[in-house]
Amino acid sequence: MTFSMDKGNEFVAETQSPEGAAAWKEQLDAFAPGASDWVVGAVFGGTYQREGIDLRTRQLLNIAALAAMGGVEPQLTGHIKTALDVAGMSRQEVGESIVHLMPYIGVPKTLAAMRCMKAAVEG
């Protein structure tokens, strides 16, 4: 797999607000300078560039994984926002996807995910 800072930076610019990207980069780099470069290059310029699944499917997978993890509400909110604003998912698709997870992740994590959806829609 190849990594590309240029493609990673392009992807970040296309899918995130400048303020949102700056916030997570600052959090990573505050105590580990350069850590955000790895995310940009390896994740957004690498994993996200692989063929085989589209951005919509990637966002659906991200939402499911983050909702199941719990405790990562800022990231889940961001991925829901990207699913709605960039990847072409409707509110109903995202909402039903989260409800579909309920028997697997439990009611509390589903409720937390729905709060993230509300924040994504309102923010």
PDB file of N, CA and C in Angstrom:
ATOM      1  N   MET A   1       0.849  -1.173   0.000  1.00  0.00           N
ATOM      2  CA  MET A   1       0.000   0.000   0.000  1.00  0.00           C
ATOM      3  C   MET A   1       0.890   1.230   0.000  1.00  0.00           C
ATOM      4  N   THR A   2       0.519   2.180  -0.811  1.00  0.00           N
ATOM      5  CA  THR A   2       1.272   3.426  -0.860  1.00  0.00           C
ATOM      6  C   THR A   2       0.574   4.493  -0.031  1.00  0.00           C
ATOM      7  N   PHE A   3       1.371   5.406   0.477  1.00  0.00           N
ATOM      8  CA  PHE A   3       0.856   6.519   1.268  1.00  0.00           C
ATOM      9  C   PHE A   3       1.194   7.808   0.544  1.00  0.00           C
ATOM     10  N   SER A   4       0.280   8.765   0.621  1.00  0.00           N
ATOM     11  CA  SER A   4       0.508  10.033  -0.054  1.00  0.00           C
ATOM     12  C   SER A   4       0.007  11.182   0.818  1.00  0.00           C
ATOM     13  N   MET A   5       0.920  12.038   1.241  1.00  0.00           N
ATOM     14  CA  MET A   5       0.533  13.225   1.999  1.00  0.00           C
ATOM     15  C   MET A   5      -0.327  14.136   1.137  1.00  0.00           C
ATOM     16  N   ASP A   6       0.004  14.253  -0.142  1.00  0.00           N
ATOM     17  CA  ASP A   6      -0.779  15.124  -1.031  1.00  0.00           C
ATOM     18  C   ASP A   6      -2.221  14.644  -1.139  1.00  0.00           C
ATOM     19  N   LYS A   7      -2.407  13.348  -1.404  1.00  0.00           N
ATOM     20  CA  LYS A   7      -3.765  12.807  -1.512  1.00  0.00           C
ATOM     21  C   LYS A   7      -4.480  12.880  -0.170  1.00  0.00           C
ATOM     22  N   GLY A   8      -3.743  12.653   0.909  1.00  0.00           N
ATOM     23  CA  GLY A   8      -4.330  12.761   2.242  1.00  0.00           C
ATOM     24  C   GLY A   8      -4.802  14.168   2.535  1.00  0.00           C
ATOM     25  N   ASN A   9      -3.982  15.148   2.214  1.00  0.00           N
ATOM     26  CA  ASN A   9      -4.372  16.544   2.426  1.00  0.00           C
ATOM     27  C   ASN A   9      -5.565  16.936   1.544  1.00  0.00           C
ATOM     28  N   GLU A  10      -5.591  16.435   0.313  1.00  0.00           N
ATOM     29  CA  GLU A  10      -6.734  16.691  -0.571  1.00  0.00           C
ATOM     30  C   GLU A  10      -8.012  16.111   0.022  1.00  0.00           C
ATOM     31  N   PHE A  11      -7.905  14.876   0.521  1.00  0.00           N
ATOM     32  CA  PHE A  11      -9.071  14.217   1.101  1.00  0.00           C
ATOM     33  C   PHE A  11      -9.574  14.984   2.321  1.00  0.00           C
ATOM     34  N   VAL A  12      -8.675  15.393   3.190  1.00  0.00           N
ATOM     35  CA  VAL A  12      -9.060  16.157   4.379  1.00  0.00           C
ATOM     36  C   VAL A  12      -9.759  17.449   3.961  1.00  0.00           C
ATOM     37  N   ALA A  13      -9.209  18.145   2.981  1.00  0.00           N
ATOM     38  CA  ALA A  13      -9.808  19.401   2.520  1.00  0.00           C
ATOM     39  C   ALA A  13     -11.200  19.185   1.933  1.00  0.00           C
ATOM     40  N   GLU A  14     -11.417  18.037   1.278  1.00  0.00           N
ATOM     41  CA  GLU A  14     -12.709  17.747   0.654  1.00  0.00           C
ATOM     42  C   GLU A  14     -13.761  17.272   1.645  1.00  0.00           C
ATOM     43  N   THR A  15     -13.340  16.702   2.773  1.00  0.00           N
ATOM     44  CA  THR A  15     -14.296  16.045   3.664  1.00  0.00           C
ATOM     45  C   THR A  15     -14.439  16.688   5.040  1.00  0.00           C
ATOM     46  N   GLN A  16     -13.560  17.627   5.384  1.00  0.00           N
ATOM     47  CA  GLN A  16     -13.594  18.204   6.723  1.00  0.00           C
ATOM     48  C   GLN A  16     -13.514  19.719   6.643  1.00  0.00           C
ATOM     49  N   SER A  17     -14.083  20.350   7.637  1.00  0.00           N
ATOM     50  CA  SER A  17     -13.942  21.802   7.707  1.00  0.00           C
ATOM     51  C   SER A  17     -12.519  22.122   8.143  1.00  0.00           C
ATOM     52  N   PRO A  18     -12.014  23.275   7.760  1.00  0.00           N
ATOM     53  CA  PRO A  18     -10.666  23.647   8.218  1.00  0.00           C
ATOM     54  C   PRO A  18     -10.555  23.657   9.739  1.00  0.00           C
ATOM     55  N   GLU A  19     -11.618  24.115  10.418  1.00  0.00           N
ATOM     56  CA  GLU A  19     -11.597  24.150  11.886  1.00  0.00           C
ATOM     57  C   GLU A  19     -11.582  22.747  12.473  1.00  0.00           C
ATOM     58  N   GLY A  20     -12.376  21.853  11.905  1.00  0.00           N
ATOM     59  CA  GLY A  20     -12.423  20.474  12.393  1.00  0.00           C
ATOM     60  C   GLY A  20     -11.094  19.764  12.208  1.00  0.00           C
ATOM     61  N   ALA A  21     -10.501  19.909  11.037  1.00  0.00           N
ATOM     62  CA  ALA A  21      -9.208  19.277  10.771  1.00  0.00           C
ATOM     63  C   ALA A  21      -8.132  19.846  11.686  1.00  0.00           C
ATOM     64  N   ALA A  22      -8.142  21.161  11.861  1.00  0.00           N
ATOM     65  CA  ALA A  22      -7.144  21.787  12.737  1.00  0.00           C
ATOM     66  C   ALA A  22      -7.277  21.283  14.166  1.00  0.00           C
ATOM     67  N   ALA A  23      -8.507  21.045  14.622  1.00  0.00           N
ATOM     68  CA  ALA A  23      -8.730  20.607  16.001  1.00  0.00           C
ATOM     69  C   ALA A  23      -8.126  19.233  16.257  1.00  0.00           C
ATOM     70  N   TRP A  24      -8.391  18.249  15.379  1.00  0.00           N
ATOM     71  CA  TRP A  24      -7.845  16.923  15.660  1.00  0.00           C
ATOM     72  C   TRP A  24      -6.339  16.874  15.436  1.00  0.00           C
ATOM     73  N   LYS A  25      -5.851  17.656  14.479  1.00  0.00           N
ATOM     74  CA  LYS A  25      -4.404  17.703  14.264  1.00  0.00           C
ATOM     75  C   LYS A  25      -3.704  18.292  15.489  1.00  0.00           C
ATOM     76  N   GLU A  26      -4.279  19.351  16.034  1.00  0.00           N
ATOM     77  CA  GLU A  26      -3.695  19.976  17.220  1.00  0.00           C
ATOM     78  C   GLU A  26      -3.695  19.021  18.404  1.00  0.00           C
ATOM     79  N   GLN A  27      -4.777  18.269  18.580  1.00  0.00           N
ATOM     80  CA  GLN A  27      -4.846  17.302  19.679  1.00  0.00           C
ATOM     81  C   GLN A  27      -3.762  16.242  19.554  1.00  0.00           C
ATOM     82  N   LEU A  28      -3.554  15.737  18.355  1.00  0.00           N
ATOM     83  CA  LEU A  28      -2.525  14.711  18.153  1.00  0.00           C
ATOM     84  C   LEU A  28      -1.119  15.277  18.316  1.00  0.00           C
ATOM     85  N   ASP A  29      -0.903  16.447  17.762  1.00  0.00           N
ATOM     86  CA  ASP A  29       0.447  17.005  17.723  1.00  0.00           C
ATOM     87  C   ASP A  29       0.876  17.692  19.013  1.00  0.00           C
ATOM     88  N   ALA A  30      -0.066  18.000  19.906  1.00  0.00           N
ATOM     89  CA  ALA A  30       0.267  18.724  21.134  1.00  0.00           C
ATOM     90  C   ALA A  30       1.323  17.992  21.956  1.00  0.00           C
ATOM     91  N   PHE A  31       1.204  16.685  22.056  1.00  0.00           N
ATOM     92  CA  PHE A  31       2.145  15.911  22.859  1.00  0.00           C
ATOM     93  C   PHE A  31       2.968  14.930  22.039  1.00  0.00           C
ATOM     94  N   ALA A  32       2.659  14.858  20.757  1.00  0.00           N
ATOM     95  CA  ALA A  32       3.408  13.969  19.852  1.00  0.00           C
ATOM     96  C   ALA A  32       3.518  14.670  18.499  1.00  0.00           C
ATOM     97  N   PRO A  33       4.400  15.668  18.406  1.00  0.00           N
ATOM     98  CA  PRO A  33       4.518  16.427  17.164  1.00  0.00           C
ATOM     99  C   PRO A  33       4.693  15.524  15.941  1.00  0.00           C
ATOM    100  N   GLY A  34       3.910  15.825  14.915  1.00  0.00           N
ATOM    101  CA  GLY A  34       3.986  15.050  13.674  1.00  0.00           C
ATOM    102  C   GLY A  34       3.034  13.874  13.613  1.00  0.00           C
ATOM    103  N   ALA A  35       2.357  13.556  14.709  1.00  0.00           N
ATOM    104  CA  ALA A  35       1.445  12.406  14.707  1.00  0.00           C
ATOM    105  C   ALA A  35       0.322  12.593  13.694  1.00  0.00           C
ATOM    106  N   SER A  36      -0.122  13.830  13.523  1.00  0.00           N
ATOM    107  CA  SER A  36      -1.208  14.059  12.561  1.00  0.00           C
ATOM    108  C   SER A  36      -0.748  13.788  11.125  1.00  0.00           C
ATOM    109  N   ASP A  37       0.542  13.923  10.865  1.00  0.00           N
ATOM    110  CA  ASP A  37       1.055  13.617   9.526  1.00  0.00           C
ATOM    111  C   ASP A  37       0.840  12.150   9.185  1.00  0.00           C
ATOM    112  N   TRP A  38       0.981  11.274  10.173  1.00  0.00           N
ATOM    113  CA  TRP A  38       0.761   9.846   9.941  1.00  0.00           C
ATOM    114  C   TRP A  38      -0.696   9.606   9.556  1.00  0.00           C
ATOM    115  N   VAL A  39      -1.626  10.239  10.281  1.00  0.00           N
ATOM    116  CA  VAL A  39      -3.041  10.064   9.961  1.00  0.00           C
ATOM    117  C   VAL A  39      -3.336  10.574   8.551  1.00  0.00           C
ATOM    118  N   VAL A  40      -2.816  11.745   8.223  1.00  0.00           N
ATOM    119  CA  VAL A  40      -3.054  12.309   6.892  1.00  0.00           C
ATOM    120  C   VAL A  40      -2.469  11.401   5.818  1.00  0.00           C
ATOM    121  N   GLY A  41      -1.235  10.995   5.976  1.00  0.00           N
ATOM    122  CA  GLY A  41      -0.571  10.204   4.945  1.00  0.00           C
ATOM    123  C   GLY A  41      -1.028   8.757   4.878  1.00  0.00           C
ATOM    124  N   ALA A  42      -1.050   8.077   6.027  1.00  0.00           N
ATOM    125  CA  ALA A  42      -1.348   6.641   6.036  1.00  0.00           C
ATOM    126  C   ALA A  42      -2.837   6.344   5.961  1.00  0.00           C
ATOM    127  N   VAL A  43      -3.644   7.100   6.699  1.00  0.00           N
ATOM    128  CA  VAL A  43      -5.073   6.816   6.725  1.00  0.00           C
ATOM    129  C   VAL A  43      -5.772   7.478   5.533  1.00  0.00           C
ATOM    130  N   PHE A  44      -5.725   8.816   5.485  1.00  0.00           N
ATOM    131  CA  PHE A  44      -6.455   9.521   4.434  1.00  0.00           C
ATOM    132  C   PHE A  44      -5.750   9.457   3.079  1.00  0.00           C
ATOM    133  N   GLY A  45      -4.436   9.352   3.078  1.00  0.00           N
ATOM    134  CA  GLY A  45      -3.684   9.248   1.836  1.00  0.00           C
ATOM    135  C   GLY A  45      -3.309   7.820   1.493  1.00  0.00           C
ATOM    136  N   GLY A  46      -3.736   6.872   2.306  1.00  0.00           N
ATOM    137  CA  GLY A  46      -3.434   5.466   2.074  1.00  0.00           C
ATOM    138  C   GLY A  46      -4.690   4.618   2.087  1.00  0.00           C
ATOM    139  N   THR A  47      -5.161   4.278   3.286  1.00  0.00           N
ATOM    140  CA  THR A  47      -6.322   3.408   3.432  1.00  0.00           C
ATOM    141  C   THR A  47      -7.530   3.926   2.670  1.00  0.00           C
ATOM    142  N   TYR A  48      -7.818   5.211   2.799  1.00  0.00           N
ATOM    143  CA  TYR A  48      -8.990   5.783   2.123  1.00  0.00           C
ATOM    144  C   TYR A  48      -8.828   5.819   0.604  1.00  0.00           C
ATOM    145  N   GLN A  49      -7.636   5.676   0.100  1.00  0.00           N
ATOM    146  CA  GLN A  49      -7.394   5.722  -1.348  1.00  0.00           C
ATOM    147  C   GLN A  49      -7.491   4.353  -2.009  1.00  0.00           C
ATOM    148  N   ARG A  50      -7.616   3.307  -1.216  1.00  0.00           N
ATOM    149  CA  ARG A  50      -7.688   1.957  -1.779  1.00  0.00           C
ATOM    150  C   ARG A  50      -8.961   1.776  -2.593  1.00  0.00           C
ATOM    151  N   GLU A  51      -8.855   0.971  -3.623  1.00  0.00           N
ATOM    152  CA  GLU A  51     -10.013   0.655  -4.450  1.00  0.00           C
ATOM    153  C   GLU A  51     -10.807  -0.461  -3.788  1.00  0.00           C
ATOM    154  N   GLY A  52     -12.039  -0.622  -4.222  1.00  0.00           N
ATOM    155  CA  GLY A  52     -12.841  -1.742  -3.744  1.00  0.00           C
ATOM    156  C   GLY A  52     -14.098  -1.329  -3.010  1.00  0.00           C
ATOM    157  N   ILE A  53     -14.045  -0.220  -2.262  1.00  0.00           N
ATOM    158  CA  ILE A  53     -15.257   0.309  -1.637  1.00  0.00           C
ATOM    159  C   ILE A  53     -15.252   1.829  -1.773  1.00  0.00           C
ATOM    160  N   ASP A  54     -16.441   2.370  -1.867  1.00  0.00           N
ATOM    161  CA  ASP A  54     -16.559   3.815  -2.049  1.00  0.00           C
ATOM    162  C   ASP A  54     -16.615   4.538  -0.701  1.00  0.00           C
ATOM    163  N   LEU A  55     -16.607   5.857  -0.763  1.00  0.00           N
ATOM    164  CA  LEU A  55     -16.607   6.664   0.456  1.00  0.00           C
ATOM    165  C   LEU A  55     -17.856   6.413   1.287  1.00  0.00           C
ATOM    166  N   ARG A  56     -18.988   6.239   0.645  1.00  0.00           N
ATOM    167  CA  ARG A  56     -20.237   5.973   1.368  1.00  0.00           C
ATOM    168  C   ARG A  56     -20.106   4.712   2.224  1.00  0.00           C
ATOM    169  N   THR A  57     -19.572   3.658   1.651  1.00  0.00           N
ATOM    170  CA  THR A  57     -19.395   2.403   2.374  1.00  0.00           C
ATOM    171  C   THR A  57     -18.370   2.564   3.488  1.00  0.00           C
ATOM    172  N   ARG A  58     -17.294   3.283   3.221  1.00  0.00           N
ATOM    173  CA  ARG A  58     -16.278   3.532   4.254  1.00  0.00           C
ATOM    174  C   ARG A  58     -16.901   4.270   5.438  1.00  0.00           C
ATOM    175  N   GLN A  59     -17.729   5.275   5.149  1.00  0.00           N
ATOM    176  CA  GLN A  59     -18.349   6.028   6.238  1.00  0.00           C
ATOM    177  C   GLN A  59     -19.312   5.152   7.033  1.00  0.00           C
ATOM    178  N   LEU A  60     -20.052   4.297   6.355  1.00  0.00           N
ATOM    179  CA  LEU A  60     -20.953   3.385   7.044  1.00  0.00           C
ATOM    180  C   LEU A  60     -20.166   2.451   7.969  1.00  0.00           C
ATOM    181  N   LEU A  61     -19.055   1.942   7.491  1.00  0.00           N
ATOM    182  CA  LEU A  61     -18.196   1.093   8.327  1.00  0.00           C
ATOM    183  C   LEU A  61     -17.629   1.866   9.511  1.00  0.00           C
ATOM    184  N   ASN A  62     -17.189   3.094   9.254  1.00  0.00           N
ATOM    185  CA  ASN A  62     -16.644   3.925  10.331  1.00  0.00           C
ATOM    186  C   ASN A  62     -17.694   4.194  11.399  1.00  0.00           C
ATOM    187  N   ILE A  63     -18.907   4.527  10.965  1.00  0.00           N
ATOM    188  CA  ILE A  63     -19.990   4.794  11.913  1.00  0.00           C
ATOM    189  C   ILE A  63     -20.253   3.567  12.770  1.00  0.00           C
ATOM    190  N   ALA A  64     -20.331   2.410  12.150  1.00  0.00           N
ATOM    191  CA  ALA A  64     -20.597   1.181  12.900  1.00  0.00           C
ATOM    192  C   ALA A  64     -19.477   0.886  13.901  1.00  0.00           C
ATOM    193  N   ALA A  65     -18.249   1.016  13.462  1.00  0.00           N
ATOM    194  CA  ALA A  65     -17.125   0.723  14.351  1.00  0.00           C
ATOM    195  C   ALA A  65     -17.059   1.709  15.515  1.00  0.00           C
ATOM    196  N   LEU A  66     -17.211   2.991  15.226  1.00  0.00           N
ATOM    197  CA  LEU A  66     -17.115   3.999  16.277  1.00  0.00           C
ATOM    198  C   LEU A  66     -18.293   3.904  17.242  1.00  0.00           C
ATOM    199  N   ALA A  67     -19.483   3.641  16.728  1.00  0.00           N
ATOM    200  CA  ALA A  67     -20.645   3.478  17.606  1.00  0.00           C
ATOM    201  C   ALA A  67     -20.443   2.276  18.526  1.00  0.00           C
ATOM    202  N   ALA A  68     -19.889   1.203  17.995  1.00  0.00           N
ATOM    203  CA  ALA A  68     -19.647   0.007  18.802  1.00  0.00           C
ATOM    204  C   ALA A  68     -18.579   0.245  19.867  1.00  0.00           C
ATOM    205  N   MET A  69     -17.582   1.048  19.540  1.00  0.00           N
ATOM    206  CA  MET A  69     -16.513   1.332  20.499  1.00  0.00           C
ATOM    207  C   MET A  69     -17.028   2.141  21.680  1.00  0.00           C
ATOM    208  N   GLY A  70     -17.803   3.168  21.382  1.00  0.00           N
ATOM    209  CA  GLY A  70     -18.232   4.090  22.429  1.00  0.00           C
ATOM    210  C   GLY A  70     -17.066   4.927  22.912  1.00  0.00           C
ATOM    211  N   GLY A  71     -17.378   6.050  23.534  1.00  0.00           N
ATOM    212  CA  GLY A  71     -16.342   6.914  24.077  1.00  0.00           C
ATOM    213  C   GLY A  71     -15.581   7.720  23.043  1.00  0.00           C
ATOM    214  N   VAL A  72     -16.045   7.697  21.811  1.00  0.00           N
ATOM    215  CA  VAL A  72     -15.379   8.420  20.719  1.00  0.00           C
ATOM    216  C   VAL A  72     -16.383   9.311  19.993  1.00  0.00           C
ATOM    217  N   GLU A  73     -17.219   9.967  20.783  1.00  0.00           N
ATOM    218  CA  GLU A  73     -18.312  10.742  20.222  1.00  0.00           C
ATOM    219  C   GLU A  73     -17.869  11.846  19.268  1.00  0.00           C
ATOM    220  N   PRO A  74     -16.778  12.580  19.549  1.00  0.00           N
ATOM    221  CA  PRO A  74     -16.374  13.601  18.565  1.00  0.00           C
ATOM    222  C   PRO A  74     -16.049  12.998  17.191  1.00  0.00           C
ATOM    223  N   GLN A  75     -15.373  11.863  17.190  1.00  0.00           N
ATOM    224  CA  GLN A  75     -15.034  11.212  15.927  1.00  0.00           C
ATOM    225  C   GLN A  75     -16.290  10.670  15.239  1.00  0.00           C
ATOM    226  N   LEU A  76     -17.189  10.068  16.014  1.00  0.00           N
ATOM    227  CA  LEU A  76     -18.425   9.539  15.446  1.00  0.00           C
ATOM    228  C   LEU A  76     -19.256  10.664  14.842  1.00  0.00           C
ATOM    229  N   THR A  77     -19.362  11.780  15.543  1.00  0.00           N
ATOM    230  CA  THR A  77     -20.096  12.928  15.017  1.00  0.00           C
ATOM    231  C   THR A  77     -19.491  13.393  13.699  1.00  0.00           C
ATOM    232  N   GLY A  78     -18.180  13.465  13.632  1.00  0.00           N
ATOM    233  CA  GLY A  78     -17.508  13.890  12.405  1.00  0.00           C
ATOM    234  C   GLY A  78     -17.763  12.948  11.246  1.00  0.00           C
ATOM    235  N   HIS A  79     -17.733  11.646  11.508  1.00  0.00           N
ATOM    236  CA  HIS A  79     -17.964  10.684  10.427  1.00  0.00           C
ATOM    237  C   HIS A  79     -19.427  10.684   9.991  1.00  0.00           C
ATOM    238  N   ILE A  80     -20.343  10.915  10.918  1.00  0.00           N
ATOM    239  CA  ILE A  80     -21.748  11.043  10.527  1.00  0.00           C
ATOM    240  C   ILE A  80     -21.921  12.269   9.640  1.00  0.00           C
ATOM    241  N   LYS A  81     -21.286  13.364  10.030  1.00  0.00           N
ATOM    242  CA  LYS A  81     -21.368  14.600   9.230  1.00  0.00           C
ATOM    243  C   LYS A  81     -20.803  14.359   7.825  1.00  0.00           C
ATOM    244  N   THR A  82     -19.678  13.673   7.729  1.00  0.00           N
ATOM    245  CA  THR A  82     -19.106  13.364   6.421  1.00  0.00           C
ATOM    246  C   THR A  82     -20.037  12.460   5.615  1.00  0.00           C
ATOM    247  N   ALA A  83     -20.649  11.475   6.278  1.00  0.00           N
ATOM    248  CA  ALA A  83     -21.589  10.583   5.588  1.00  0.00           C
ATOM    249  C   ALA A  83     -22.742  11.376   4.991  1.00  0.00           C
ATOM    250  N   LEU A  84     -23.251  12.343   5.743  1.00  0.00           N
ATOM    251  CA  LEU A  84     -24.389  13.140   5.290  1.00  0.00           C
ATOM    252  C   LEU A  84     -23.993  14.195   4.261  1.00  0.00           C
ATOM    253  N   ASP A  85     -22.921  14.907   4.534  1.00  0.00           N
ATOM    254  CA  ASP A  85     -22.558  16.074   3.723  1.00  0.00           C
ATOM    255  C   ASP A  85     -21.703  15.756   2.506  1.00  0.00           C
ATOM    256  N   VAL A  86     -20.938  14.681   2.567  1.00  0.00           N
ATOM    257  CA  VAL A  86     -19.980  14.406   1.496  1.00  0.00           C
ATOM    258  C   VAL A  86     -20.247  13.061   0.811  1.00  0.00           C
ATOM    259  N   ALA A  87     -20.586  12.044   1.575  1.00  0.00           N
ATOM    260  CA  ALA A  87     -20.697  10.690   1.016  1.00  0.00           C
ATOM    261  C   ALA A  87     -22.073  10.369   0.456  1.00  0.00           C
ATOM    262  N   GLY A  88     -23.013  11.303   0.559  1.00  0.00           N
ATOM    263  CA  GLY A  88     -24.304  11.111  -0.082  1.00  0.00           C
ATOM    264  C   GLY A  88     -25.308  10.268   0.668  1.00  0.00           C
ATOM    265  N   MET A  89     -25.084  10.004   1.941  1.00  0.00           N
ATOM    266  CA  MET A  89     -26.064   9.251   2.714  1.00  0.00           C
ATOM    267  C   MET A  89     -27.170  10.187   3.195  1.00  0.00           C
ATOM    268  N   SER A  90     -28.379   9.681   3.284  1.00  0.00           N
ATOM    269  CA  SER A  90     -29.495  10.468   3.797  1.00  0.00           C
ATOM    270  C   SER A  90     -29.561  10.324   5.318  1.00  0.00           C
ATOM    271  N   ARG A  91     -30.286  11.226   5.946  1.00  0.00           N
ATOM    272  CA  ARG A  91     -30.497  11.131   7.397  1.00  0.00           C
ATOM    273  C   ARG A  91     -31.156   9.807   7.748  1.00  0.00           C
ATOM    274  N   GLN A  92     -32.123   9.393   6.935  1.00  0.00           N
ATOM    275  CA  GLN A  92     -32.814   8.135   7.203  1.00  0.00           C
ATOM    276  C   GLN A  92     -31.849   6.953   7.122  1.00  0.00           C
ATOM    277  N   GLU A  93     -30.967   6.935   6.131  1.00  0.00           N
ATOM    278  CA  GLU A  93     -30.012   5.829   6.002  1.00  0.00           C
ATOM    279  C   GLU A  93     -29.079   5.761   7.206  1.00  0.00           C
ATOM    280  N   VAL A  94     -28.573   6.910   7.629  1.00  0.00           N
ATOM    281  CA  VAL A  94     -27.671   6.917   8.779  1.00  0.00           C
ATOM    282  C   VAL A  94     -28.433   6.509  10.040  1.00  0.00           C
ATOM    283  N   GLY A  95     -29.616   7.086  10.237  1.00  0.00           N
ATOM    284  CA  GLY A  95     -30.409   6.743  11.413  1.00  0.00           C
ATOM    285  C   GLY A  95     -30.767   5.270  11.466  1.00  0.00           C
ATOM    286  N   GLU A  96     -31.221   4.725  10.351  1.00  0.00           N
ATOM    287  CA  GLU A  96     -31.573   3.298  10.309  1.00  0.00           C
ATOM    288  C   GLU A  96     -30.344   2.407  10.484  1.00  0.00           C
ATOM    289  N   SER A  97     -29.201   2.858   9.987  1.00  0.00           N
ATOM    290  CA  SER A  97     -27.961   2.092  10.177  1.00  0.00           C
ATOM    291  C   SER A  97     -27.613   2.010  11.661  1.00  0.00           C
ATOM    292  N   ILE A  98     -27.787   3.121  12.357  1.00  0.00           N
ATOM    293  CA  ILE A  98     -27.498   3.138  13.797  1.00  0.00           C
ATOM    294  C   ILE A  98     -28.499   2.254  14.544  1.00  0.00           C
ATOM    295  N   VAL A  99     -29.782   2.354  14.185  1.00  0.00           N
ATOM    296  CA  VAL A  99     -30.791   1.508  14.828  1.00  0.00           C
ATOM    297  C   VAL A  99     -30.500   0.034  14.561  1.00  0.00           C
ATOM    298  N   HIS A 100     -30.033  -0.280  13.364  1.00  0.00           N
ATOM    299  CA  HIS A 100     -29.698  -1.668  13.031  1.00  0.00           C
ATOM    300  C   HIS A 100     -28.623  -2.222  13.965  1.00  0.00           C
ATOM    301  N   LEU A 101     -27.757  -1.355  14.466  1.00  0.00           N
ATOM    302  CA  LEU A 101     -26.686  -1.787  15.364  1.00  0.00           C
ATOM    303  C   LEU A 101     -27.186  -2.118  16.770  1.00  0.00           C
ATOM    304  N   MET A 102     -28.364  -1.648  17.146  1.00  0.00           N
ATOM    305  CA  MET A 102     -28.837  -1.748  18.527  1.00  0.00           C
ATOM    306  C   MET A 102     -28.753  -3.152  19.128  1.00  0.00           C
ATOM    307  N   PRO A 103     -29.183  -4.204  18.431  1.00  0.00           N
ATOM    308  CA  PRO A 103     -29.084  -5.522  19.063  1.00  0.00           C
ATOM    309  C   PRO A 103     -27.636  -5.992  19.265  1.00  0.00           C
ATOM    310  N   TYR A 104     -26.720  -5.389  18.533  1.00  0.00           N
ATOM    311  CA  TYR A 104     -25.319  -5.795  18.593  1.00  0.00           C
ATOM    312  C   TYR A 104     -24.503  -4.960  19.563  1.00  0.00           C
ATOM    313  N   ILE A 105     -24.826  -3.659  19.678  1.00  0.00           N
ATOM    314  CA  ILE A 105     -24.014  -2.774  20.518  1.00  0.00           C
ATOM    315  C   ILE A 105     -24.730  -2.323  21.780  1.00  0.00           C
ATOM    316  N   GLY A 106     -26.049  -2.556  21.848  1.00  0.00           N
ATOM    317  CA  GLY A 106     -26.823  -2.197  23.021  1.00  0.00           C
ATOM    318  C   GLY A 106     -27.489  -0.838  22.901  1.00  0.00           C
ATOM    319  N   VAL A 107     -28.473  -0.648  23.756  1.00  0.00           N
ATOM    320  CA  VAL A 107     -29.250   0.583  23.741  1.00  0.00           C
ATOM    321  C   VAL A 107     -28.408   1.797  24.146  1.00  0.00           C
ATOM    322  N   PRO A 108     -27.599   1.735  25.208  1.00  0.00           N
ATOM    323  CA  PRO A 108     -26.839   2.931  25.598  1.00  0.00           C
ATOM    324  C   PRO A 108     -25.917   3.453  24.489  1.00  0.00           C
ATOM    325  N   LYS A 109     -25.214   2.570  23.799  1.00  0.00           N
ATOM    326  CA  LYS A 109     -24.330   3.021  22.719  1.00  0.00           C
ATOM    327  C   LYS A 109     -25.138   3.519  21.522  1.00  0.00           C
ATOM    328  N   THR A 110     -26.304   2.920  21.296  1.00  0.00           N
ATOM    329  CA  THR A 110     -27.166   3.400  20.222  1.00  0.00           C
ATOM    330  C   THR A 110     -27.666   4.805  20.540  1.00  0.00           C
ATOM    331  N   LEU A 111     -28.069   5.037  21.787  1.00  0.00           N
ATOM    332  CA  LEU A 111     -28.513   6.369  22.185  1.00  0.00           C
ATOM    333  C   LEU A 111     -27.384   7.382  22.051  1.00  0.00           C
ATOM    334  N   ALA A 112     -26.172   6.985  22.442  1.00  0.00           N
ATOM    335  CA  ALA A 112     -25.021   7.882  22.297  1.00  0.00           C
ATOM    336  C   ALA A 112     -24.780   8.201  20.825  1.00  0.00           C
ATOM    337  N   ALA A 113     -24.915   7.213  19.960  1.00  0.00           N
ATOM    338  CA  ALA A 113     -24.731   7.430  18.525  1.00  0.00           C
ATOM    339  C   ALA A 113     -25.798   8.360  17.983  1.00  0.00           C
ATOM    340  N   MET A 114     -27.006   8.241  18.471  1.00  0.00           N
ATOM    341  CA  MET A 114     -28.085   9.123  18.019  1.00  0.00           C
ATOM    342  C   MET A 114     -27.840  10.561  18.500  1.00  0.00           C
ATOM    343  N   ARG A 115     -27.243  10.735  19.673  1.00  0.00           N
ATOM    344  CA  ARG A 115     -26.872  12.085  20.108  1.00  0.00           C
ATOM    345  C   ARG A 115     -25.810  12.655  19.170  1.00  0.00           C
ATOM    346  N   CYS A 116     -24.897  11.806  18.716  1.00  0.00           N
ATOM    347  CA  CYS A 116     -23.888  12.250  17.752  1.00  0.00           C
ATOM    348  C   CYS A 116     -24.543  12.634  16.439  1.00  0.00           C
ATOM    349  N   MET A 117     -25.554  11.874  16.031  1.00  0.00           N
ATOM    350  CA  MET A 117     -26.249  12.224  14.796  1.00  0.00           C
ATOM    351  C   MET A 117     -26.934  13.563  14.945  1.00  0.00           C
ATOM    352  N   LYS A 118     -27.580  13.792  16.083  1.00  0.00           N
ATOM    353  CA  LYS A 118     -28.230  15.082  16.311  1.00  0.00           C
ATOM    354  C   LYS A 118     -27.214  16.206  16.236  1.00  0.00           C
ATOM    355  N   ALA A 119     -26.049  16.010  16.865  1.00  0.00           N
ATOM    356  CA  ALA A 119     -24.991  17.035  16.835  1.00  0.00           C
ATOM    357  C   ALA A 119     -24.495  17.262  15.408  1.00  0.00           C
ATOM    358  N   ALA A 120     -24.368  16.192  14.633  1.00  0.00           N
ATOM    359  CA  ALA A 120     -23.896  16.322  13.250  1.00  0.00           C
ATOM    360  C   ALA A 120     -24.901  17.085  12.399  1.00  0.00           C
ATOM    361  N   VAL A 121     -26.171  16.816  12.602  1.00  0.00           N
ATOM    362  CA  VAL A 121     -27.225  17.452  11.817  1.00  0.00           C
ATOM    363  C   VAL A 121     -27.367  18.924  12.198  1.00  0.00           C
ATOM    364  N   GLU A 122     -27.249  19.209  13.477  1.00  0.00           N
ATOM    365  CA  GLU A 122     -27.431  20.577  13.955  1.00  0.00           C
ATOM    366  C   GLU A 122     -26.185  21.441  13.807  1.00  0.00           C
ATOM    367  N   GLY A 123     -25.014  20.782  13.738  1.00  0.00           N
ATOM    368  CA  GLY A 123     -23.762  21.525  13.719  1.00  0.00           C
ATOM    369  C   GLY A 123     -23.274  21.902  12.436  1.00  0.00           C
TER     370      GLY A 123
END
